[in-house]
C-alpha atoms as a PDB file:
ATOM      1  CA  MET A   1     252.995 -41.584 191.399  1.00  0.00           C
ATOM      2  CA  LYS A   2     252.434 -45.295 190.978  1.00  0.00           C
ATOM      3  CA  CYS A   3     248.978 -46.380 189.855  1.00  0.00           C
ATOM      4  CA  GLU A   4     249.058 -49.298 192.307  1.00  0.00           C
ATOM      5  CA  ARG A   5     248.818 -46.804 195.172  1.00  0.00           C
ATOM      6  CA  LEU A   6     245.555 -45.280 193.926  1.00  0.00           C
ATOM      7  CA  ASP A   7     242.292 -46.536 195.395  1.00  0.00           C
ATOM      8  CA  MET A   8     240.501 -45.662 192.165  1.00  0.00           C
ATOM      9  CA  TRP A   9     242.878 -47.838 190.145  1.00  0.00           C
ATOM     10  CA  LYS A  10     242.350 -50.733 192.574  1.00  0.00           C
ATOM     11  CA  ARG A  11     238.585 -50.287 192.384  1.00  0.00           C
ATOM     12  CA  ALA A  12     238.657 -50.106 188.581  1.00  0.00           C
ATOM     13  CA  CYS A  13     240.664 -53.339 188.501  1.00  0.00           C
ATOM     14  CA  ARG A  14     238.193 -55.068 190.850  1.00  0.00           C
ATOM     15  CA  LEU A  15     235.276 -53.887 188.722  1.00  0.00           C
ATOM     16  CA  SER A  16     236.938 -55.266 185.610  1.00  0.00           C
ATOM     17  CA  VAL A  17     237.519 -58.638 187.288  1.00  0.00           C
ATOM     18  CA  ASP A  18     233.887 -58.695 188.416  1.00  0.00           C
ATOM     19  CA  VAL A  19     232.713 -57.955 184.870  1.00  0.00           C
ATOM     20  CA  TYR A  20     234.995 -60.604 183.357  1.00  0.00           C
ATOM     21  CA  ARG A  21     233.685 -63.207 185.781  1.00  0.00           C
ATOM     22  CA  HIS A  22     230.090 -62.318 184.980  1.00  0.00           C
ATOM     23  CA  VAL A  23     230.302 -62.010 181.216  1.00  0.00           C
ATOM     24  CA  ASP A  24     231.954 -65.394 180.931  1.00  0.00           C
ATOM     25  CA  ARG A  25     228.390 -66.767 181.204  1.00  0.00           C
ATOM     26  CA  ILE A  26     226.993 -64.540 178.430  1.00  0.00           C
ATOM     27  CA  GLY A  27     226.503 -66.258 175.097  1.00  0.00           C
ATOM     28  CA  ASN A  28     226.557 -63.118 172.933  1.00  0.00           C
ATOM     29  CA  PHE A  29     230.230 -62.823 172.010  1.00  0.00           C
ATOM     30  CA  GLY A  30     230.032 -59.290 170.586  1.00  0.00           C
ATOM     31  CA  PHE A  31     228.396 -57.878 173.690  1.00  0.00           C
ATOM     32  CA  LYS A  32     230.695 -59.812 176.005  1.00  0.00           C
ATOM     33  CA  GLU A  33     233.777 -58.557 174.163  1.00  0.00           C
ATOM     34  CA  GLN A  34     232.651 -54.914 174.075  1.00  0.00           C
ATOM     35  CA  ILE A  35     231.660 -54.552 177.732  1.00  0.00           C
ATOM     36  CA  SER A  36     234.803 -56.382 178.877  1.00  0.00           C
ATOM     37  CA  ARG A  37     237.037 -54.110 176.793  1.00  0.00           C
ATOM     38  CA  SER A  38     235.400 -50.862 177.906  1.00  0.00           C
ATOM     39  CA  CYS A  39     235.708 -51.826 181.564  1.00  0.00           C
ATOM     40  CA  LEU A  40     239.297 -53.032 181.185  1.00  0.00           C
ATOM     41  CA  SER A  41     240.138 -49.751 179.464  1.00  0.00           C
ATOM     42  CA  VAL A  42     239.266 -47.765 182.595  1.00  0.00           C
ATOM     43  CA  ALA A  43     242.000 -49.155 184.860  1.00  0.00           C
ATOM     44  CA  SER A  44     244.449 -49.318 181.952  1.00  0.00           C
ATOM     45  CA  ASN A  45     244.026 -45.646 181.068  1.00  0.00           C
ATOM     46  CA  ILE A  46     244.203 -44.560 184.702  1.00  0.00           C
ATOM     47  CA  ALA A  47     247.508 -46.421 184.961  1.00  0.00           C
ATOM     48  CA  GLU A  48     248.852 -44.980 181.738  1.00  0.00           C
ATOM     49  CA  GLY A  49     247.759 -41.472 182.683  1.00  0.00           C
ATOM     50  CA  VAL A  50     249.326 -41.338 186.112  1.00  0.00           C
ATOM     51  CA  GLU A  51     252.617 -42.624 184.735  1.00  0.00           C
ATOM     52  CA  LYS A  52     252.901 -39.914 182.054  1.00  0.00           C
ATOM     53  CA  GLU A  53     255.367 -37.106 182.608  1.00  0.00           C
ATOM     54  CA  SER A  54     253.440 -34.179 181.201  1.00  0.00           C
ATOM     55  CA  HIS A  55     250.305 -32.765 182.816  1.00  0.00           C
ATOM     56  CA  LYS A  56     248.631 -32.573 179.426  1.00  0.00           C
ATOM     57  CA  GLU A  57     249.161 -36.301 178.807  1.00  0.00           C
ATOM     58  CA  LYS A  58     248.019 -37.206 182.323  1.00  0.00           C
ATOM     59  CA  LEU A  59     244.789 -35.293 181.812  1.00  0.00           C
ATOM     60  CA  ARG A  60     244.220 -36.790 178.368  1.00  0.00           C
ATOM     61  CA  TYR A  61     244.451 -40.388 179.590  1.00  0.00           C
ATOM     62  CA  LEU A  62     242.281 -39.689 182.618  1.00  0.00           C
ATOM     63  CA  GLU A  63     239.688 -38.206 180.277  1.00  0.00           C
ATOM     64  CA  ILE A  64     239.892 -41.329 178.106  1.00  0.00           C
ATOM     65  CA  ALA A  65     239.262 -43.396 181.263  1.00  0.00           C
ATOM     66  CA  ARG A  66     236.143 -41.321 181.950  1.00  0.00           C
ATOM     67  CA  GLY A  67     234.998 -41.886 178.387  1.00  0.00           C
ATOM     68  CA  SER A  68     235.451 -45.618 178.841  1.00  0.00           C
ATOM     69  CA  LEU A  69     233.347 -45.418 181.995  1.00  0.00           C
ATOM     70  CA  ALA A  70     230.555 -43.723 180.026  1.00  0.00           C
ATOM     71  CA  GLU A  71     230.790 -46.467 177.405  1.00  0.00           C
ATOM     72  CA  PHE A  72     230.702 -49.120 180.137  1.00  0.00           C
ATOM     73  CA  VAL A  73     227.625 -47.550 181.778  1.00  0.00           C
ATOM     74  CA  THR A  74     225.862 -47.511 178.416  1.00  0.00           C
ATOM     75  CA  GLN A  75     226.701 -51.159 177.785  1.00  0.00           C
ATOM     76  CA  SER A  76     225.635 -52.135 181.305  1.00  0.00           C
ATOM     77  CA  SER A  77     222.274 -50.448 180.787  1.00  0.00           C
ATOM     78  CA  ILE A  78     221.801 -52.200 177.467  1.00  0.00           C
ATOM     79  CA  GLY A  79     222.895 -55.499 178.995  1.00  0.00           C
ATOM     80  CA  ILE A  80     220.284 -55.147 181.724  1.00  0.00           C
ATOM     81  CA  GLU A  81     217.535 -54.420 179.191  1.00  0.00           C
ATOM     82  CA  ALA A  82     218.663 -57.274 176.913  1.00  0.00           C
ATOM     83  CA  GLY A  83     218.658 -59.715 179.823  1.00  0.00           C
ATOM     84  CA  PHE A  84     222.411 -60.371 179.681  1.00  0.00           C
ATOM     85  CA  ILE A  85     223.061 -58.790 183.076  1.00  0.00           C
ATOM     86  CA  GLU A  86     221.004 -59.154 186.227  1.00  0.00           C
ATOM     87  CA  LYS A  87     219.504 -55.759 187.076  1.00  0.00           C
ATOM     88  CA  SER A  88     220.906 -55.558 190.623  1.00  0.00           C
ATOM     89  CA  GLU A  89     224.398 -56.423 189.418  1.00  0.00           C
ATOM     90  CA  GLY A  90     224.256 -53.983 186.486  1.00  0.00           C
ATOM     91  CA  LEU A  91     223.034 -51.171 188.724  1.00  0.00           C
ATOM     92  CA  ARG A  92     225.861 -51.905 191.164  1.00  0.00           C
ATOM     93  CA  TRP A  93     228.325 -51.630 188.270  1.00  0.00           C
ATOM     94  CA  VAL A  94     226.776 -48.346 187.158  1.00  0.00           C
ATOM     95  CA  LYS A  95     227.044 -46.942 190.686  1.00  0.00           C
ATOM     96  CA  GLU A  96     230.702 -47.955 190.915  1.00  0.00           C
ATOM     97  CA  ALA A  97     231.392 -46.406 187.505  1.00  0.00           C
ATOM     98  CA  ASP A  98     229.817 -43.134 188.667  1.00  0.00           C
ATOM     99  CA  GLU A  99     231.985 -43.109 191.788  1.00  0.00           C
ATOM    100  CA  LEU A 100     235.092 -43.853 189.735  1.00  0.00           C
ATOM    101  CA  SER A 101     234.249 -40.985 187.386  1.00  0.00           C
ATOM    102  CA  ARG A 102     234.052 -38.623 190.345  1.00  0.00           C
ATOM    103  CA  MET A 103     237.375 -39.903 191.649  1.00  0.00           C
ATOM    104  CA  ILE A 104     238.994 -39.285 188.258  1.00  0.00           C
ATOM    105  CA  ILE A 105     237.648 -35.730 188.217  1.00  0.00           C
ATOM    106  CA  GLY A 106     239.205 -35.191 191.658  1.00  0.00           C
ATOM    107  CA  LEU A 107     242.555 -36.564 190.519  1.00  0.00           C
ATOM    108  CA  LYS A 108     242.482 -34.377 187.415  1.00  0.00           C
ATOM    109  CA  ARG A 109     242.175 -31.318 189.632  1.00  0.00           C
ATOM    110  CA  ASN A 110     245.433 -32.321 191.326  1.00  0.00           C
ATOM    111  CA  TYR A 111     247.243 -32.315 187.983  1.00  0.00           C
ATOM    112  CA  VAL A 112     246.495 -28.733 187.063  1.00  0.00           C
ATOM    113  CA  PRO A 113     249.942 -27.112 186.791  1.00  0.00           C
END
């Protein structure tokens, strides 16, 4: 299966682009770097997972992607509170992350041998 065919991979890529465009305006380099990396990690680990041969490896990378989503949600929440991210935008990101997490869980079920 090619990652480019997955709606969740496409959505994770769009979310990452959205985050990159937004955080470009943030002055706090450490925060900007961390939230960008966690979001970028989601699509990257989905891609790596679906391309693995073994079911065990597929599941491991999809679980890493879910972990990156949790990290991203945490950073989005902190960014909202710190005033780095507009509340409506941050909440939209959190909602998309939750939907992506559910999609990953669904894909993981398909990989059970």
